[in-house]
ModelCIF file with pLDDT and N, C-alpha, C, O atoms, coordinates in Angstrom:
data_MODEL
#
_entry.id   MODEL 
#
_entity.id                         1 
_entity.type                       polymer 
_entity.pdbx_number_of_molecules   1 
#
_entity_poly.entity_id                      1 
_entity_poly.type                           'polypeptide(L)' 
_entity_poly.nstd_linkage                   no 
_entity_poly.nstd_monomer                   no 
_entity_poly.pdbx_seq_one_letter_code       
;(UNK)(UNK)(UNK)(UNK)(UNK)(UNK)(UNK)(UNK)(UNK)(UNK)(UNK)(UNK)(UNK)(UNK)(UNK)(UNK)
(UNK)(UNK)(UNK)(UNK)(UNK)(UNK)(UNK)(UNK)(UNK)(UNK)(UNK)(UNK)(UNK)(UNK)(UNK)(UNK)
(UNK)(UNK)(UNK)(UNK)(UNK)(UNK)(UNK)(UNK)(UNK)(UNK)(UNK)(UNK)(UNK)(UNK)
;
_entity_poly.pdbx_seq_one_letter_code_can   XXXXXXXXXXXXXXXXXXXXXXXXXXXXXXXXXXXXXXXXXXXXXX 
_entity_poly.pdbx_strand_id                 A 
#
loop_
_entity_poly_seq.entity_id 
_entity_poly_seq.num 
_entity_poly_seq.mon_id 
_entity_poly_seq.hetero 
1 1  UNK n 
1 2  UNK n 
1 3  UNK n 
1 4  UNK n 
1 5  UNK n 
1 6  UNK n 
1 7  UNK n 
1 8  UNK n 
1 9  UNK n 
1 10 UNK n 
1 11 UNK n 
1 12 UNK n 
1 13 UNK n 
1 14 UNK n 
1 15 UNK n 
1 16 UNK n 
1 17 UNK n 
1 18 UNK n 
1 19 UNK n 
1 20 UNK n 
1 21 UNK n 
1 22 UNK n 
1 23 UNK n 
1 24 UNK n 
1 25 UNK n 
1 26 UNK n 
1 27 UNK n 
1 28 UNK n 
1 29 UNK n 
1 30 UNK n 
1 31 UNK n 
1 32 UNK n 
1 33 UNK n 
1 34 UNK n 
1 35 UNK n 
1 36 UNK n 
1 37 UNK n 
1 38 UNK n 
1 39 UNK n 
1 40 UNK n 
1 41 UNK n 
1 42 UNK n 
1 43 UNK n 
1 44 UNK n 
1 45 UNK n 
1 46 UNK n 
#
_struct_asym.id          A 
_struct_asym.entity_id   1 
#
loop_
_ma_qa_metric.id 
_ma_qa_metric.mode 
_ma_qa_metric.name 
_ma_qa_metric.software_group_id 
_ma_qa_metric.type 
1 global pLDDT . pLDDT 
2 local  pLDDT . pLDDT 
#
_ma_qa_metric_global.metric_id      1 
_ma_qa_metric_global.metric_value   90.41 
_ma_qa_metric_global.model_id       1 
_ma_qa_metric_global.ordinal_id     1 
#
loop_
_ma_qa_metric_local.label_asym_id 
_ma_qa_metric_local.label_comp_id 
_ma_qa_metric_local.label_seq_id 
_ma_qa_metric_local.metric_id 
_ma_qa_metric_local.metric_value 
_ma_qa_metric_local.model_id 
_ma_qa_metric_local.ordinal_id 
A UNK 1  2 92.00 1 1  
A UNK 2  2 92.00 1 2  
A UNK 3  2 91.00 1 3  
A UNK 4  2 88.00 1 4  
A UNK 5  2 92.00 1 5  
A UNK 6  2 87.00 1 6  
A UNK 7  2 86.00 1 7  
A UNK 8  2 90.00 1 8  
A UNK 9  2 93.00 1 9  
A UNK 10 2 93.00 1 10 
A UNK 11 2 95.00 1 11 
A UNK 12 2 96.00 1 12 
A UNK 13 2 97.00 1 13 
A UNK 14 2 97.00 1 14 
A UNK 15 2 96.00 1 15 
A UNK 16 2 95.00 1 16 
A UNK 17 2 95.00 1 17 
A UNK 18 2 95.00 1 18 
A UNK 19 2 95.00 1 19 
A UNK 20 2 94.00 1 20 
A UNK 21 2 90.00 1 21 
A UNK 22 2 88.00 1 22 
A UNK 23 2 87.00 1 23 
A UNK 24 2 81.00 1 24 
A UNK 25 2 77.00 1 25 
A UNK 26 2 80.00 1 26 
A UNK 27 2 85.00 1 27 
A UNK 28 2 82.00 1 28 
A UNK 29 2 87.00 1 29 
A UNK 30 2 91.00 1 30 
A UNK 31 2 92.00 1 31 
A UNK 32 2 92.00 1 32 
A UNK 33 2 92.00 1 33 
A UNK 34 2 92.00 1 34 
A UNK 35 2 93.00 1 35 
A UNK 36 2 94.00 1 36 
A UNK 37 2 93.00 1 37 
A UNK 38 2 93.00 1 38 
A UNK 39 2 94.00 1 39 
A UNK 40 2 94.00 1 40 
A UNK 41 2 90.00 1 41 
A UNK 42 2 90.00 1 42 
A UNK 43 2 87.00 1 43 
A UNK 44 2 86.00 1 44 
A UNK 45 2 84.00 1 45 
A UNK 46 2 86.00 1 46 
#
loop_
_atom_site.group_PDB 
_atom_site.id 
_atom_site.type_symbol 
_atom_site.label_atom_id 
_atom_site.label_alt_id 
_atom_site.label_comp_id 
_atom_site.label_asym_id 
_atom_site.label_entity_id 
_atom_site.label_seq_id 
_atom_site.pdbx_PDB_ins_code 
_atom_site.Cartn_x 
_atom_site.Cartn_y 
_atom_site.Cartn_z 
_atom_site.occupancy 
_atom_site.B_iso_or_equiv 
_atom_site.pdbx_formal_charge 
_atom_site.auth_seq_id 
_atom_site.auth_comp_id 
_atom_site.auth_asym_id 
_atom_site.auth_atom_id 
_atom_site.pdbx_PDB_model_num 
ATOM 1   N N  . UNK A 1 1  ? 188.209 50.109 157.685 1.00 92.00 ? 1  UNK A N  1 
ATOM 2   C CA . UNK A 1 1  ? 189.172 49.277 156.959 1.00 92.00 ? 1  UNK A CA 1 
ATOM 3   C C  . UNK A 1 1  ? 188.462 48.057 156.360 1.00 92.00 ? 1  UNK A C  1 
ATOM 4   O O  . UNK A 1 1  ? 188.692 47.711 155.202 1.00 92.00 ? 1  UNK A O  1 
ATOM 5   N N  . UNK A 1 2  ? 187.609 47.416 157.142 1.00 92.00 ? 2  UNK A N  1 
ATOM 6   C CA . UNK A 1 2  ? 186.872 46.236 156.686 1.00 92.00 ? 2  UNK A CA 1 
ATOM 7   C C  . UNK A 1 2  ? 186.002 46.559 155.477 1.00 92.00 ? 2  UNK A C  1 
ATOM 8   O O  . UNK A 1 2  ? 185.902 45.757 154.549 1.00 92.00 ? 2  UNK A O  1 
ATOM 9   N N  . UNK A 1 3  ? 185.377 47.725 155.488 1.00 91.00 ? 3  UNK A N  1 
ATOM 10  C CA . UNK A 1 3  ? 184.458 48.116 154.414 1.00 91.00 ? 3  UNK A CA 1 
ATOM 11  C C  . UNK A 1 3  ? 185.182 48.724 153.222 1.00 91.00 ? 3  UNK A C  1 
ATOM 12  O O  . UNK A 1 3  ? 184.568 48.967 152.183 1.00 91.00 ? 3  UNK A O  1 
ATOM 13  N N  . UNK A 1 4  ? 186.487 48.974 153.360 1.00 88.00 ? 4  UNK A N  1 
ATOM 14  C CA . UNK A 1 4  ? 187.245 49.574 152.258 1.00 88.00 ? 4  UNK A CA 1 
ATOM 15  C C  . UNK A 1 4  ? 186.922 51.044 152.064 1.00 88.00 ? 4  UNK A C  1 
ATOM 16  O O  . UNK A 1 4  ? 187.042 51.563 150.954 1.00 88.00 ? 4  UNK A O  1 
ATOM 17  N N  . UNK A 1 5  ? 186.515 51.719 153.125 1.00 92.00 ? 5  UNK A N  1 
ATOM 18  C CA . UNK A 1 5  ? 186.168 53.136 153.039 1.00 92.00 ? 5  UNK A CA 1 
ATOM 19  C C  . UNK A 1 5  ? 187.404 53.971 153.337 1.00 92.00 ? 5  UNK A C  1 
ATOM 20  O O  . UNK A 1 5  ? 188.126 53.711 154.299 1.00 92.00 ? 5  UNK A O  1 
ATOM 21  N N  . UNK A 1 6  ? 187.641 54.978 152.499 1.00 87.00 ? 6  UNK A N  1 
ATOM 22  C CA . UNK A 1 6  ? 188.808 55.836 152.704 1.00 87.00 ? 6  UNK A CA 1 
ATOM 23  C C  . UNK A 1 6  ? 188.364 57.276 152.856 1.00 87.00 ? 6  UNK A C  1 
ATOM 24  O O  . UNK A 1 6  ? 187.609 57.594 153.775 1.00 87.00 ? 6  UNK A O  1 
ATOM 25  N N  . UNK A 1 7  ? 188.820 58.156 151.970 1.00 86.00 ? 7  UNK A N  1 
ATOM 26  C CA . UNK A 1 7  ? 188.588 59.589 152.136 1.00 86.00 ? 7  UNK A CA 1 
ATOM 27  C C  . UNK A 1 7  ? 187.180 60.052 151.784 1.00 86.00 ? 7  UNK A C  1 
ATOM 28  O O  . UNK A 1 7  ? 186.640 60.938 152.447 1.00 86.00 ? 7  UNK A O  1 
ATOM 29  N N  . UNK A 1 8  ? 186.583 59.475 150.765 1.00 90.00 ? 8  UNK A N  1 
ATOM 30  C CA . UNK A 1 8  ? 185.296 59.966 150.285 1.00 90.00 ? 8  UNK A CA 1 
ATOM 31  C C  . UNK A 1 8  ? 184.323 58.805 150.132 1.00 90.00 ? 8  UNK A C  1 
ATOM 32  O O  . UNK A 1 8  ? 184.693 57.725 149.670 1.00 90.00 ? 8  UNK A O  1 
ATOM 33  N N  . UNK A 1 9  ? 183.079 59.040 150.524 1.00 93.00 ? 9  UNK A N  1 
ATOM 34  C CA . UNK A 1 9  ? 182.055 57.998 150.445 1.00 93.00 ? 9  UNK A CA 1 
ATOM 35  C C  . UNK A 1 9  ? 180.803 58.551 149.769 1.00 93.00 ? 9  UNK A C  1 
ATOM 36  O O  . UNK A 1 9  ? 180.625 59.762 149.640 1.00 93.00 ? 9  UNK A O  1 
ATOM 37  N N  . UNK A 1 10 ? 179.952 57.638 149.348 1.00 93.00 ? 10 UNK A N  1 
ATOM 38  C CA . UNK A 1 10 ? 178.628 57.995 148.832 1.00 93.00 ? 10 UNK A CA 1 
ATOM 39  C C  . UNK A 1 10 ? 177.601 57.471 149.832 1.00 93.00 ? 10 UNK A C  1 
ATOM 40  O O  . UNK A 1 10 ? 177.733 56.366 150.358 1.00 93.00 ? 10 UNK A O  1 
ATOM 41  N N  . UNK A 1 11 ? 176.586 58.279 150.080 1.00 95.00 ? 11 UNK A N  1 
ATOM 42  C CA . UNK A 1 11 ? 175.535 57.912 151.028 1.00 95.00 ? 11 UNK A CA 1 
ATOM 43  C C  . UNK A 1 11 ? 174.212 57.779 150.286 1.00 95.00 ? 11 UNK A C  1 
ATOM 44  O O  . UNK A 1 11 ? 173.927 58.538 149.360 1.00 95.00 ? 11 UNK A O  1 
ATOM 45  N N  . UNK A 1 12 ? 173.414 56.811 150.702 1.00 96.00 ? 12 UNK A N  1 
ATOM 46  C CA . UNK A 1 12 ? 172.066 56.703 150.155 1.00 96.00 ? 12 UNK A CA 1 
ATOM 47  C C  . UNK A 1 12 ? 171.157 56.111 151.218 1.00 96.00 ? 12 UNK A C  1 
ATOM 48  O O  . UNK A 1 12 ? 171.607 55.398 152.115 1.00 96.00 ? 12 UNK A O  1 
ATOM 49  N N  . UNK A 1 13 ? 169.881 56.415 151.103 1.00 97.00 ? 13 UNK A N  1 
ATOM 50  C CA . UNK A 1 13 ? 168.895 55.869 152.029 1.00 97.00 ? 13 UNK A CA 1 
ATOM 51  C C  . UNK A 1 13 ? 168.177 54.735 151.317 1.00 97.00 ? 13 UNK A C  1 
ATOM 52  O O  . UNK A 1 13 ? 167.659 54.905 150.214 1.00 97.00 ? 13 UNK A O  1 
ATOM 53  N N  . UNK A 1 14 ? 168.153 53.577 151.963 1.00 97.00 ? 14 UNK A N  1 
ATOM 54  C CA . UNK A 1 14 ? 167.419 52.421 151.463 1.00 97.00 ? 14 UNK A CA 1 
ATOM 55  C C  . UNK A 1 14 ? 166.442 52.017 152.558 1.00 97.00 ? 14 UNK A C  1 
ATOM 56  O O  . UNK A 1 14 ? 166.837 51.522 153.614 1.00 97.00 ? 14 UNK A O  1 
ATOM 57  N N  . UNK A 1 15 ? 165.179 52.235 152.290 1.00 96.00 ? 15 UNK A N  1 
ATOM 58  C CA . UNK A 1 15 ? 164.122 52.012 153.278 1.00 96.00 ? 15 UNK A CA 1 
ATOM 59  C C  . UNK A 1 15 ? 164.445 52.775 154.549 1.00 96.00 ? 15 UNK A C  1 
ATOM 60  O O  . UNK A 1 15 ? 164.438 54.006 154.524 1.00 96.00 ? 15 UNK A O  1 
ATOM 61  N N  . UNK A 1 16 ? 164.726 52.110 155.655 1.00 95.00 ? 16 UNK A N  1 
ATOM 62  C CA . UNK A 1 16 ? 164.992 52.818 156.914 1.00 95.00 ? 16 UNK A CA 1 
ATOM 63  C C  . UNK A 1 16 ? 166.473 52.781 157.283 1.00 95.00 ? 16 UNK A C  1 
ATOM 64  O O  . UNK A 1 16 ? 166.819 52.856 158.462 1.00 95.00 ? 16 UNK A O  1 
ATOM 65  N N  . UNK A 1 17 ? 167.347 52.665 156.286 1.00 95.00 ? 17 UNK A N  1 
ATOM 66  C CA . UNK A 1 17 ? 168.782 52.548 156.553 1.00 95.00 ? 17 UNK A CA 1 
ATOM 67  C C  . UNK A 1 17 ? 169.572 53.577 155.752 1.00 95.00 ? 17 UNK A C  1 
ATOM 68  O O  . UNK A 1 17 ? 169.184 53.950 154.644 1.00 95.00 ? 17 UNK A O  1 
ATOM 69  N N  . UNK A 1 18 ? 170.668 54.024 156.319 1.00 95.00 ? 18 UNK A N  1 
ATOM 70  C CA . UNK A 1 18 ? 171.631 54.849 155.589 1.00 95.00 ? 18 UNK A CA 1 
ATOM 71  C C  . UNK A 1 18 ? 172.748 53.907 155.158 1.00 95.00 ? 18 UNK A C  1 
ATOM 72  O O  . UNK A 1 18 ? 173.392 53.273 155.994 1.00 95.00 ? 18 UNK A O  1 
ATOM 73  N N  . UNK A 1 19 ? 172.973 53.820 153.859 1.00 95.00 ? 19 UNK A N  1 
ATOM 74  C CA . UNK A 1 19 ? 173.991 52.919 153.314 1.00 95.00 ? 19 UNK A CA 1 
ATOM 75  C C  . UNK A 1 19 ? 175.175 53.763 152.858 1.00 95.00 ? 19 UNK A C  1 
ATOM 76  O O  . UNK A 1 19 ? 175.004 54.765 152.165 1.00 95.00 ? 19 UNK A O  1 
ATOM 77  N N  . UNK A 1 20 ? 176.369 53.352 153.250 1.00 94.00 ? 20 UNK A N  1 
ATOM 78  C CA . UNK A 1 20 ? 177.601 54.055 152.909 1.00 94.00 ? 20 UNK A CA 1 
ATOM 79  C C  . UNK A 1 20 ? 178.391 53.183 151.936 1.00 94.00 ? 20 UNK A C  1 
ATOM 80  O O  . UNK A 1 20 ? 178.663 52.014 152.211 1.00 94.00 ? 20 UNK A O  1 
ATOM 81  N N  . UNK A 1 21 ? 178.758 53.777 150.781 1.00 90.00 ? 21 UNK A N  1 
ATOM 82  C CA . UNK A 1 21 ? 179.553 53.067 149.774 1.00 90.00 ? 21 UNK A CA 1 
ATOM 83  C C  . UNK A 1 21 ? 180.869 53.814 149.561 1.00 90.00 ? 21 UNK A C  1 
ATOM 84  O O  . UNK A 1 21 ? 180.934 55.028 149.753 1.00 90.00 ? 21 UNK A O  1 
ATOM 85  N N  . UNK A 1 22 ? 181.925 53.084 149.160 1.00 88.00 ? 22 UNK A N  1 
ATOM 86  C CA . UNK A 1 22 ? 183.132 53.808 148.730 1.00 88.00 ? 22 UNK A CA 1 
ATOM 87  C C  . UNK A 1 22 ? 182.772 54.674 147.530 1.00 88.00 ? 22 UNK A C  1 
ATOM 88  O O  . UNK A 1 22 ? 182.016 54.243 146.660 1.00 88.00 ? 22 UNK A O  1 
ATOM 89  N N  . UNK A 1 23 ? 183.304 55.882 147.475 1.00 87.00 ? 23 UNK A N  1 
ATOM 90  C CA . UNK A 1 23 ? 183.030 56.779 146.345 1.00 87.00 ? 23 UNK A CA 1 
ATOM 91  C C  . UNK A 1 23 ? 183.729 56.239 145.109 1.00 87.00 ? 23 UNK A C  1 
ATOM 92  O O  . UNK A 1 23 ? 184.901 55.866 145.159 1.00 87.00 ? 23 UNK A O  1 
ATOM 93  N N  . UNK A 1 24 ? 183.007 56.199 144.008 1.00 81.00 ? 24 UNK A N  1 
ATOM 94  C CA . UNK A 1 24 ? 183.586 55.744 142.751 1.00 81.00 ? 24 UNK A CA 1 
ATOM 95  C C  . UNK A 1 24 ? 184.204 56.937 142.042 1.00 81.00 ? 24 UNK A C  1 
ATOM 96  O O  . UNK A 1 24 ? 183.580 57.989 141.908 1.00 81.00 ? 24 UNK A O  1 
ATOM 97  N N  . UNK A 1 25 ? 185.423 56.759 141.597 1.00 77.00 ? 25 UNK A N  1 
ATOM 98  C CA . UNK A 1 25 ? 186.097 57.829 140.868 1.00 77.00 ? 25 UNK A CA 1 
ATOM 99  C C  . UNK A 1 25 ? 185.547 57.881 139.451 1.00 77.00 ? 25 UNK A C  1 
ATOM 100 O O  . UNK A 1 25 ? 185.326 56.850 138.816 1.00 77.00 ? 25 UNK A O  1 
ATOM 101 N N  . UNK A 1 26 ? 185.332 59.098 138.968 1.00 80.00 ? 26 UNK A N  1 
ATOM 102 C CA . UNK A 1 26 ? 184.927 59.261 137.579 1.00 80.00 ? 26 UNK A CA 1 
ATOM 103 C C  . UNK A 1 26 ? 186.017 58.716 136.686 1.00 80.00 ? 26 UNK A C  1 
ATOM 104 O O  . UNK A 1 26 ? 187.204 58.882 136.968 1.00 80.00 ? 26 UNK A O  1 
ATOM 105 N N  . UNK A 1 27 ? 185.621 58.076 135.626 1.00 85.00 ? 27 UNK A N  1 
ATOM 106 C CA . UNK A 1 27 ? 186.552 57.549 134.622 1.00 85.00 ? 27 UNK A CA 1 
ATOM 107 C C  . UNK A 1 27 ? 187.459 56.446 135.170 1.00 85.00 ? 27 UNK A C  1 
ATOM 108 O O  . UNK A 1 27 ? 188.512 56.168 134.595 1.00 85.00 ? 27 UNK A O  1 
ATOM 109 N N  . UNK A 1 28 ? 187.060 55.822 136.266 1.00 82.00 ? 28 UNK A N  1 
ATOM 110 C CA . UNK A 1 28 ? 187.859 54.740 136.821 1.00 82.00 ? 28 UNK A CA 1 
ATOM 111 C C  . UNK A 1 28 ? 187.904 53.593 135.812 1.00 82.00 ? 28 UNK A C  1 
ATOM 112 O O  . UNK A 1 28 ? 186.863 53.164 135.314 1.00 82.00 ? 28 UNK A O  1 
ATOM 113 N N  . UNK A 1 29 ? 189.097 53.099 135.510 1.00 87.00 ? 29 UNK A N  1 
ATOM 114 C CA . UNK A 1 29 ? 189.260 51.988 134.589 1.00 87.00 ? 29 UNK A CA 1 
ATOM 115 C C  . UNK A 1 29 ? 189.337 52.379 133.124 1.00 87.00 ? 29 UNK A C  1 
ATOM 116 O O  . UNK A 1 29 ? 189.501 51.513 132.265 1.00 87.00 ? 29 UNK A O  1 
ATOM 117 N N  . UNK A 1 30 ? 189.222 53.674 132.819 1.00 91.00 ? 30 UNK A N  1 
ATOM 118 C CA . UNK A 1 30 ? 189.240 54.114 131.415 1.00 91.00 ? 30 UNK A CA 1 
ATOM 119 C C  . UNK A 1 30 ? 190.585 53.825 130.760 1.00 91.00 ? 30 UNK A C  1 
ATOM 120 O O  . UNK A 1 30 ? 190.624 53.423 129.597 1.00 91.00 ? 30 UNK A O  1 
ATOM 121 N N  . UNK A 1 31 ? 191.695 54.022 131.485 1.00 92.00 ? 31 UNK A N  1 
ATOM 122 C CA . UNK A 1 31 ? 193.018 53.780 130.901 1.00 92.00 ? 31 UNK A CA 1 
ATOM 123 C C  . UNK A 1 31 ? 193.130 52.354 130.380 1.00 92.00 ? 31 UNK A C  1 
ATOM 124 O O  . UNK A 1 31 ? 193.614 52.128 129.270 1.00 92.00 ? 31 UNK A O  1 
ATOM 125 N N  . UNK A 1 32 ? 192.689 51.409 131.170 1.00 92.00 ? 32 UNK A N  1 
ATOM 126 C CA . UNK A 1 32 ? 192.748 50.005 130.764 1.00 92.00 ? 32 UNK A CA 1 
ATOM 127 C C  . UNK A 1 32 ? 191.859 49.747 129.552 1.00 92.00 ? 32 UNK A C  1 
ATOM 128 O O  . UNK A 1 32 ? 192.248 49.024 128.635 1.00 92.00 ? 32 UNK A O  1 
ATOM 129 N N  . UNK A 1 33 ? 190.670 50.337 129.548 1.00 92.00 ? 33 UNK A N  1 
ATOM 130 C CA . UNK A 1 33 ? 189.760 50.149 128.412 1.00 92.00 ? 33 UNK A CA 1 
ATOM 131 C C  . UNK A 1 33 ? 190.331 50.748 127.133 1.00 92.00 ? 33 UNK A C  1 
ATOM 132 O O  . UNK A 1 33 ? 190.203 50.153 126.063 1.00 92.00 ? 33 UNK A O  1 
ATOM 133 N N  . UNK A 1 34 ? 190.961 51.917 127.228 1.00 92.00 ? 34 UNK A N  1 
ATOM 134 C CA . UNK A 1 34 ? 191.589 52.531 126.053 1.00 92.00 ? 34 UNK A CA 1 
ATOM 135 C C  . UNK A 1 34 ? 192.733 51.664 125.536 1.00 92.00 ? 34 UNK A C  1 
ATOM 136 O O  . UNK A 1 34 ? 192.914 51.522 124.327 1.00 92.00 ? 34 UNK A O  1 
ATOM 137 N N  . UNK A 1 35 ? 193.503 51.088 126.454 1.00 93.00 ? 35 UNK A N  1 
ATOM 138 C CA . UNK A 1 35 ? 194.603 50.222 126.053 1.00 93.00 ? 35 UNK A CA 1 
ATOM 139 C C  . UNK A 1 35 ? 194.066 49.003 125.299 1.00 93.00 ? 35 UNK A C  1 
ATOM 140 O O  . UNK A 1 35 ? 194.612 48.627 124.262 1.00 93.00 ? 35 UNK A O  1 
ATOM 141 N N  . UNK A 1 36 ? 193.006 48.388 125.813 1.00 94.00 ? 36 UNK A N  1 
ATOM 142 C CA . UNK A 1 36 ? 192.404 47.228 125.154 1.00 94.00 ? 36 UNK A CA 1 
ATOM 143 C C  . UNK A 1 36 ? 191.844 47.597 123.783 1.00 94.00 ? 36 UNK A C  1 
ATOM 144 O O  . UNK A 1 36 ? 191.981 46.829 122.831 1.00 94.00 ? 36 UNK A O  1 
ATOM 145 N N  . UNK A 1 37 ? 191.211 48.771 123.675 1.00 93.00 ? 37 UNK A N  1 
ATOM 146 C CA . UNK A 1 37 ? 190.687 49.221 122.387 1.00 93.00 ? 37 UNK A CA 1 
ATOM 147 C C  . UNK A 1 37 ? 191.819 49.354 121.371 1.00 93.00 ? 37 UNK A C  1 
ATOM 148 O O  . UNK A 1 37 ? 191.675 48.926 120.226 1.00 93.00 ? 37 UNK A O  1 
ATOM 149 N N  . UNK A 1 38 ? 192.940 49.940 121.778 1.00 93.00 ? 38 UNK A N  1 
ATOM 150 C CA . UNK A 1 38 ? 194.075 50.131 120.875 1.00 93.00 ? 38 UNK A CA 1 
ATOM 151 C C  . UNK A 1 38 ? 194.633 48.779 120.438 1.00 93.00 ? 38 UNK A C  1 
ATOM 152 O O  . UNK A 1 38 ? 194.968 48.597 119.268 1.00 93.00 ? 38 UNK A O  1 
ATOM 153 N N  . UNK A 1 39 ? 194.735 47.834 121.366 1.00 94.00 ? 39 UNK A N  1 
ATOM 154 C CA . UNK A 1 39 ? 195.246 46.496 121.030 1.00 94.00 ? 39 UNK A CA 1 
ATOM 155 C C  . UNK A 1 39 ? 194.364 45.808 119.989 1.00 94.00 ? 39 UNK A C  1 
ATOM 156 O O  . UNK A 1 39 ? 194.864 45.085 119.128 1.00 94.00 ? 39 UNK A O  1 
ATOM 157 N N  . UNK A 1 40 ? 193.058 46.034 120.069 1.00 94.00 ? 40 UNK A N  1 
ATOM 158 C CA . UNK A 1 40 ? 192.112 45.382 119.164 1.00 94.00 ? 40 UNK A CA 1 
ATOM 159 C C  . UNK A 1 40 ? 191.859 46.209 117.906 1.00 94.00 ? 40 UNK A C  1 
ATOM 160 O O  . UNK A 1 40 ? 191.053 45.823 117.059 1.00 94.00 ? 40 UNK A O  1 
ATOM 161 N N  . UNK A 1 41 ? 192.548 47.351 117.781 1.00 90.00 ? 41 UNK A N  1 
ATOM 162 C CA . UNK A 1 41 ? 192.353 48.206 116.619 1.00 90.00 ? 41 UNK A CA 1 
ATOM 163 C C  . UNK A 1 41 ? 190.983 48.863 116.593 1.00 90.00 ? 41 UNK A C  1 
ATOM 164 O O  . UNK A 1 41 ? 190.480 49.236 115.533 1.00 90.00 ? 41 UNK A O  1 
ATOM 165 N N  . UNK A 1 42 ? 190.395 48.999 117.753 1.00 90.00 ? 42 UNK A N  1 
ATOM 166 C CA . UNK A 1 42 ? 189.040 49.555 117.851 1.00 90.00 ? 42 UNK A CA 1 
ATOM 167 C C  . UNK A 1 42 ? 189.069 51.018 118.280 1.00 90.00 ? 42 UNK A C  1 
ATOM 168 O O  . UNK A 1 42 ? 188.098 51.517 118.849 1.00 90.00 ? 42 UNK A O  1 
ATOM 169 N N  . UNK A 1 43 ? 190.172 51.704 118.014 1.00 87.00 ? 43 UNK A N  1 
ATOM 170 C CA . UNK A 1 43 ? 190.309 53.093 118.429 1.00 87.00 ? 43 UNK A CA 1 
ATOM 171 C C  . UNK A 1 43 ? 190.457 54.029 117.237 1.00 87.00 ? 43 UNK A C  1 
ATOM 172 O O  . UNK A 1 43 ? 191.044 55.105 117.354 1.00 87.00 ? 43 UNK A O  1 
ATOM 173 N N  . UNK A 1 44 ? 189.931 53.622 116.105 1.00 86.00 ? 44 UNK A N  1 
ATOM 174 C CA . UNK A 1 44 ? 190.036 54.441 114.895 1.00 86.00 ? 44 UNK A CA 1 
ATOM 175 C C  . UNK A 1 44 ? 188.728 55.186 114.653 1.00 86.00 ? 44 UNK A C  1 
ATOM 176 O O  . UNK A 1 44 ? 187.658 54.743 115.069 1.00 86.00 ? 44 UNK A O  1 
ATOM 177 N N  . UNK A 1 45 ? 188.835 56.334 113.967 1.00 84.00 ? 45 UNK A N  1 
ATOM 178 C CA . UNK A 1 45 ? 187.635 57.098 113.620 1.00 84.00 ? 45 UNK A CA 1 
ATOM 179 C C  . UNK A 1 45 ? 186.791 56.314 112.625 1.00 84.00 ? 45 UNK A C  1 
ATOM 180 O O  . UNK A 1 45 ? 187.330 55.633 111.752 1.00 84.00 ? 45 UNK A O  1 
ATOM 181 N N  . UNK A 1 46 ? 185.485 56.406 112.749 1.00 86.00 ? 46 UNK A N  1 
ATOM 182 C CA . UNK A 1 46 ? 184.580 55.705 111.842 1.00 86.00 ? 46 UNK A CA 1 
ATOM 183 C C  . UNK A 1 46 ? 184.294 56.524 110.590 1.00 86.00 ? 46 UNK A C  1 
ATOM 184 O O  . UNK A 1 46 ? 183.547 56.078 109.719 1.00 86.00 ? 46 UNK A O  1 
#
């Protein structure tokens, strides 16, 4: 709970340690970025 770890994690070795990170979802935050692009008119074909 303290580390914010839930169902899926990413593991990596750093020197002599195993580091556990929360798994990042693919495309996380894309909806917000698309909304901002549309607001700024930056979502048109070039």
